[in-house]
């Protein structure tokens, strides 16, 4: 029996043929996005402006890169709980490096990336060579990174001097 010859049941008969093939989860997500856009546009006239939408895409692209990395980890059957503080360590150390004048500004982003890679290296060595379960080592690394950043900042948000 072909796909089109199968009988449809219930509410699916009420839909046009091209909508019967749409996944309900995708349709629900799309409807929620449209609803959020409508509510947001009622709240502010600038909500649907190209500048604001571009700003939101920039934020989403940053989170998309992190989500892609996490997806790869999860597909490998592991979990990484240190992502938030790995990002925080990289960002805070990049900010610290930028405080060293023009030379520090040049090396700020590479230094932040290297600090994040250092956290990842600790996680990788713990999982691959020491055979520590990923959930345990990344949770421990997360706690250590959080503690180091609290010590570095004295428990306060970074300030301009």
C-alpha atoms as a PDB file:
ATOM      1  CA  UNK A   1       0.000   0.000   0.000  1.00  0.00           C
ATOM      2  CA  UNK A   2       1.433   3.421  -0.855  1.00  0.00           C
ATOM      3  CA  UNK A   3       1.582   6.399   1.525  1.00  0.00           C
ATOM      4  CA  UNK A   4      -1.261   8.229  -0.165  1.00  0.00           C
ATOM      5  CA  UNK A   5      -3.507   5.185  -0.134  1.00  0.00           C
ATOM      6  CA  UNK A   6      -3.333   4.768   3.649  1.00  0.00           C
ATOM      7  CA  UNK A   7      -6.468   5.929   5.387  1.00  0.00           C
ATOM      8  CA  UNK A   8      -6.164   8.927   7.676  1.00  0.00           C
ATOM      9  CA  UNK A   9      -7.974   9.075  10.946  1.00  0.00           C
ATOM     10  CA  UNK A  10      -9.195  11.724  13.352  1.00  0.00           C
ATOM     11  CA  UNK A  11      -8.231  15.349  12.992  1.00  0.00           C
ATOM     12  CA  UNK A  12      -5.666  14.593  10.234  1.00  0.00           C
ATOM     13  CA  UNK A  13      -8.520  14.325   7.709  1.00  0.00           C
ATOM     14  CA  UNK A  14      -9.344  17.978   8.321  1.00  0.00           C
ATOM     15  CA  UNK A  15      -5.887  19.135   7.201  1.00  0.00           C
ATOM     16  CA  UNK A  16      -4.878  19.795   3.611  1.00  0.00           C
ATOM     17  CA  UNK A  17      -2.698  17.003   2.140  1.00  0.00           C
ATOM     18  CA  UNK A  18       0.569  19.007   2.305  1.00  0.00           C
ATOM     19  CA  UNK A  19       0.087  19.620   6.065  1.00  0.00           C
ATOM     20  CA  UNK A  20      -0.493  15.950   6.874  1.00  0.00           C
ATOM     21  CA  UNK A  21       3.226  15.255   6.418  1.00  0.00           C
ATOM     22  CA  UNK A  22       4.347  17.955   8.895  1.00  0.00           C
ATOM     23  CA  UNK A  23       5.811  16.634  12.122  1.00  0.00           C
ATOM     24  CA  UNK A  24       3.666  17.773  15.085  1.00  0.00           C
ATOM     25  CA  UNK A  25       6.731  18.693  17.167  1.00  0.00           C
ATOM     26  CA  UNK A  26       8.066  20.942  14.400  1.00  0.00           C
ATOM     27  CA  UNK A  27       4.642  22.525  13.897  1.00  0.00           C
ATOM     28  CA  UNK A  28       4.336  23.182  17.642  1.00  0.00           C
ATOM     29  CA  UNK A  29       7.806  24.769  17.807  1.00  0.00           C
ATOM     30  CA  UNK A  30       7.026  26.936  14.778  1.00  0.00           C
ATOM     31  CA  UNK A  31       3.701  28.026  16.295  1.00  0.00           C
ATOM     32  CA  UNK A  32       5.447  28.970  19.551  1.00  0.00           C
ATOM     33  CA  UNK A  33       8.012  31.075  17.679  1.00  0.00           C
ATOM     34  CA  UNK A  34       5.270  32.879  15.761  1.00  0.00           C
ATOM     35  CA  UNK A  35       3.347  33.456  19.000  1.00  0.00           C
ATOM     36  CA  UNK A  36       6.461  34.871  20.701  1.00  0.00           C
ATOM     37  CA  UNK A  37       7.072  37.196  17.753  1.00  0.00           C
ATOM     38  CA  UNK A  38       3.481  38.420  17.855  1.00  0.00           C
ATOM     39  CA  UNK A  39       3.500  39.010  21.614  1.00  0.00           C
ATOM     40  CA  UNK A  40       6.899  40.721  21.392  1.00  0.00           C
ATOM     41  CA  UNK A  41       5.724  43.017  18.606  1.00  0.00           C
ATOM     42  CA  UNK A  42       2.742  44.030  20.740  1.00  0.00           C
ATOM     43  CA  UNK A  43       5.102  44.847  23.614  1.00  0.00           C
ATOM     44  CA  UNK A  44       7.518  46.973  21.568  1.00  0.00           C
ATOM     45  CA  UNK A  45       7.347  48.500  18.106  1.00  0.00           C
ATOM     46  CA  UNK A  46      11.065  47.892  17.563  1.00  0.00           C
ATOM     47  CA  UNK A  47      10.809  44.175  18.335  1.00  0.00           C
ATOM     48  CA  UNK A  48      10.562  43.148  14.681  1.00  0.00           C
ATOM     49  CA  UNK A  49      13.045  45.734  13.406  1.00  0.00           C
ATOM     50  CA  UNK A  50      15.961  44.357  11.373  1.00  0.00           C
ATOM     51  CA  UNK A  51      18.501  45.759  13.867  1.00  0.00           C
ATOM     52  CA  UNK A  52      16.901  43.992  16.824  1.00  0.00           C
ATOM     53  CA  UNK A  53      16.459  40.723  14.954  1.00  0.00           C
ATOM     54  CA  UNK A  54      20.116  40.851  13.842  1.00  0.00           C
ATOM     55  CA  UNK A  55      21.166  41.382  17.446  1.00  0.00           C
ATOM     56  CA  UNK A  56      19.136  38.346  18.498  1.00  0.00           C
ATOM     57  CA  UNK A  57      20.706  36.247  15.725  1.00  0.00           C
ATOM     58  CA  UNK A  58      24.167  37.225  16.980  1.00  0.00           C
ATOM     59  CA  UNK A  59      23.276  36.002  20.475  1.00  0.00           C
ATOM     60  CA  UNK A  60      21.689  32.857  19.075  1.00  0.00           C
ATOM     61  CA  UNK A  61      24.739  32.078  16.947  1.00  0.00           C
ATOM     62  CA  UNK A  62      26.940  32.099  20.056  1.00  0.00           C
ATOM     63  CA  UNK A  63      24.582  29.713  21.815  1.00  0.00           C
ATOM     64  CA  UNK A  64      24.263  27.638  18.643  1.00  0.00           C
ATOM     65  CA  UNK A  65      28.000  26.965  18.582  1.00  0.00           C
ATOM     66  CA  UNK A  66      27.867  25.810  22.215  1.00  0.00           C
ATOM     67  CA  UNK A  67      24.785  23.673  21.533  1.00  0.00           C
ATOM     68  CA  UNK A  68      26.483  22.060  18.536  1.00  0.00           C
ATOM     69  CA  UNK A  69      29.457  21.074  20.687  1.00  0.00           C
ATOM     70  CA  UNK A  70      27.149  19.680  23.363  1.00  0.00           C
ATOM     71  CA  UNK A  71      25.199  17.760  20.726  1.00  0.00           C
ATOM     72  CA  UNK A  72      28.391  16.047  19.616  1.00  0.00           C
ATOM     73  CA  UNK A  73      29.240  15.125  23.217  1.00  0.00           C
ATOM     74  CA  UNK A  74      25.747  13.751  23.850  1.00  0.00           C
ATOM     75  CA  UNK A  75      25.766  11.757  20.583  1.00  0.00           C
ATOM     76  CA  UNK A  76      28.951  10.103  21.839  1.00  0.00           C
ATOM     77  CA  UNK A  77      27.029   8.987  24.921  1.00  0.00           C
ATOM     78  CA  UNK A  78      28.685  11.429  27.316  1.00  0.00           C
ATOM     79  CA  UNK A  79      27.693  14.609  29.153  1.00  0.00           C
ATOM     80  CA  UNK A  80      29.610  17.817  29.824  1.00  0.00           C
ATOM     81  CA  UNK A  81      28.478  19.788  32.856  1.00  0.00           C
ATOM     82  CA  UNK A  82      31.398  22.236  32.763  1.00  0.00           C
ATOM     83  CA  UNK A  83      30.282  24.236  29.737  1.00  0.00           C
ATOM     84  CA  UNK A  84      28.907  27.286  31.619  1.00  0.00           C
ATOM     85  CA  UNK A  85      32.041  27.819  33.637  1.00  0.00           C
ATOM     86  CA  UNK A  86      34.352  26.956  30.761  1.00  0.00           C
ATOM     87  CA  UNK A  87      32.758  29.843  28.879  1.00  0.00           C
ATOM     88  CA  UNK A  88      32.929  32.033  31.996  1.00  0.00           C
ATOM     89  CA  UNK A  89      36.642  31.253  32.522  1.00  0.00           C
ATOM     90  CA  UNK A  90      37.401  32.094  28.891  1.00  0.00           C
ATOM     91  CA  UNK A  91      35.433  35.341  29.023  1.00  0.00           C
ATOM     92  CA  UNK A  92      36.814  36.487  32.349  1.00  0.00           C
ATOM     93  CA  UNK A  93      40.400  35.683  31.440  1.00  0.00           C
ATOM     94  CA  UNK A  94      40.000  37.460  28.099  1.00  0.00           C
ATOM     95  CA  UNK A  95      38.717  40.500  29.988  1.00  0.00           C
ATOM     96  CA  UNK A  96      41.641  40.267  32.402  1.00  0.00           C
ATOM     97  CA  UNK A  97      44.122  40.143  29.523  1.00  0.00           C
ATOM     98  CA  UNK A  98      42.487  43.151  27.850  1.00  0.00           C
ATOM     99  CA  UNK A  99      43.317  45.214  30.946  1.00  0.00           C
ATOM    100  CA  UNK A 100      47.026  45.088  30.003  1.00  0.00           C
ATOM    101  CA  UNK A 101      46.746  47.852  27.413  1.00  0.00           C
ATOM    102  CA  UNK A 102      47.047  47.594  23.633  1.00  0.00           C
ATOM    103  CA  UNK A 103      49.156  44.410  23.742  1.00  0.00           C
ATOM    104  CA  UNK A 104      46.668  42.784  26.084  1.00  0.00           C
ATOM    105  CA  UNK A 105      43.824  43.731  23.778  1.00  0.00           C
ATOM    106  CA  UNK A 106      45.509  41.946  20.892  1.00  0.00           C
ATOM    107  CA  UNK A 107      45.990  38.751  22.900  1.00  0.00           C
ATOM    108  CA  UNK A 108      42.708  38.868  24.857  1.00  0.00           C
ATOM    109  CA  UNK A 109      40.614  36.612  22.637  1.00  0.00           C
ATOM    110  CA  UNK A 110      43.357  34.019  21.981  1.00  0.00           C
ATOM    111  CA  UNK A 111      44.114  33.939  25.721  1.00  0.00           C
ATOM    112  CA  UNK A 112      40.432  33.427  26.563  1.00  0.00           C
ATOM    113  CA  UNK A 113      40.193  30.608  24.026  1.00  0.00           C
ATOM    114  CA  UNK A 114      43.337  28.990  25.437  1.00  0.00           C
ATOM    115  CA  UNK A 115      41.902  29.138  28.955  1.00  0.00           C
ATOM    116  CA  UNK A 116      38.693  27.459  27.765  1.00  0.00           C
ATOM    117  CA  UNK A 117      40.776  24.867  25.921  1.00  0.00           C
ATOM    118  CA  UNK A 118      42.691  24.236  29.160  1.00  0.00           C
ATOM    119  CA  UNK A 119      39.457  23.401  30.953  1.00  0.00           C
ATOM    120  CA  UNK A 120      38.519  21.113  28.062  1.00  0.00           C
ATOM    121  CA  UNK A 121      41.936  19.458  28.162  1.00  0.00           C
ATOM    122  CA  UNK A 122      41.501  18.640  31.858  1.00  0.00           C
ATOM    123  CA  UNK A 123      38.090  17.125  31.053  1.00  0.00           C
ATOM    124  CA  UNK A 124      39.463  15.178  28.091  1.00  0.00           C
ATOM    125  CA  UNK A 125      42.408  13.732  30.017  1.00  0.00           C
ATOM    126  CA  UNK A 126      40.109  12.763  32.882  1.00  0.00           C
ATOM    127  CA  UNK A 127      37.658  10.971  30.607  1.00  0.00           C
ATOM    128  CA  UNK A 128      40.024   9.444  28.031  1.00  0.00           C
ATOM    129  CA  UNK A 129      43.080   8.492  30.076  1.00  0.00           C
ATOM    130  CA  UNK A 130      41.956   8.350  33.710  1.00  0.00           C
ATOM    131  CA  UNK A 131      38.617   6.711  32.747  1.00  0.00           C
ATOM    132  CA  UNK A 132      36.636   8.967  35.083  1.00  0.00           C
ATOM    133  CA  UNK A 133      32.959   9.110  34.045  1.00  0.00           C
ATOM    134  CA  UNK A 134      32.329  12.315  32.086  1.00  0.00           C
ATOM    135  CA  UNK A 135      29.567  13.451  34.404  1.00  0.00           C
ATOM    136  CA  UNK A 136      31.877  13.260  37.436  1.00  0.00           C
ATOM    137  CA  UNK A 137      34.967  14.894  35.926  1.00  0.00           C
ATOM    138  CA  UNK A 138      33.067  17.706  34.230  1.00  0.00           C
ATOM    139  CA  UNK A 139      31.070  18.440  37.386  1.00  0.00           C
ATOM    140  CA  UNK A 140      34.333  18.563  39.354  1.00  0.00           C
ATOM    141  CA  UNK A 141      35.986  20.763  36.725  1.00  0.00           C
ATOM    142  CA  UNK A 142      32.935  23.025  36.810  1.00  0.00           C
ATOM    143  CA  UNK A 143      33.229  23.406  40.596  1.00  0.00           C
ATOM    144  CA  UNK A 144      36.977  24.079  40.407  1.00  0.00           C
ATOM    145  CA  UNK A 145      36.550  26.642  37.620  1.00  0.00           C
ATOM    146  CA  UNK A 146      33.782  28.364  39.553  1.00  0.00           C
ATOM    147  CA  UNK A 147      35.952  28.463  42.672  1.00  0.00           C
ATOM    148  CA  UNK A 148      38.943  29.830  40.768  1.00  0.00           C
ATOM    149  CA  UNK A 149      36.836  32.605  39.259  1.00  0.00           C
ATOM    150  CA  UNK A 150      35.400  33.511  42.679  1.00  0.00           C
ATOM    151  CA  UNK A 151      38.947  33.675  44.071  1.00  0.00           C
ATOM    152  CA  UNK A 152      40.137  35.706  41.079  1.00  0.00           C
ATOM    153  CA  UNK A 153      37.323  38.252  41.346  1.00  0.00           C
ATOM    154  CA  UNK A 154      37.074  38.230  45.129  1.00  0.00           C
ATOM    155  CA  UNK A 155      33.432  37.270  44.768  1.00  0.00           C
ATOM    156  CA  UNK A 156      32.541  40.471  42.917  1.00  0.00           C
ATOM    157  CA  UNK A 157      31.853  41.203  39.286  1.00  0.00           C
ATOM    158  CA  UNK A 158      34.920  42.520  37.409  1.00  0.00           C
ATOM    159  CA  UNK A 159      35.330  46.291  37.636  1.00  0.00           C
ATOM    160  CA  UNK A 160      37.155  48.835  35.486  1.00  0.00           C
ATOM    161  CA  UNK A 161      40.142  50.332  37.286  1.00  0.00           C
END
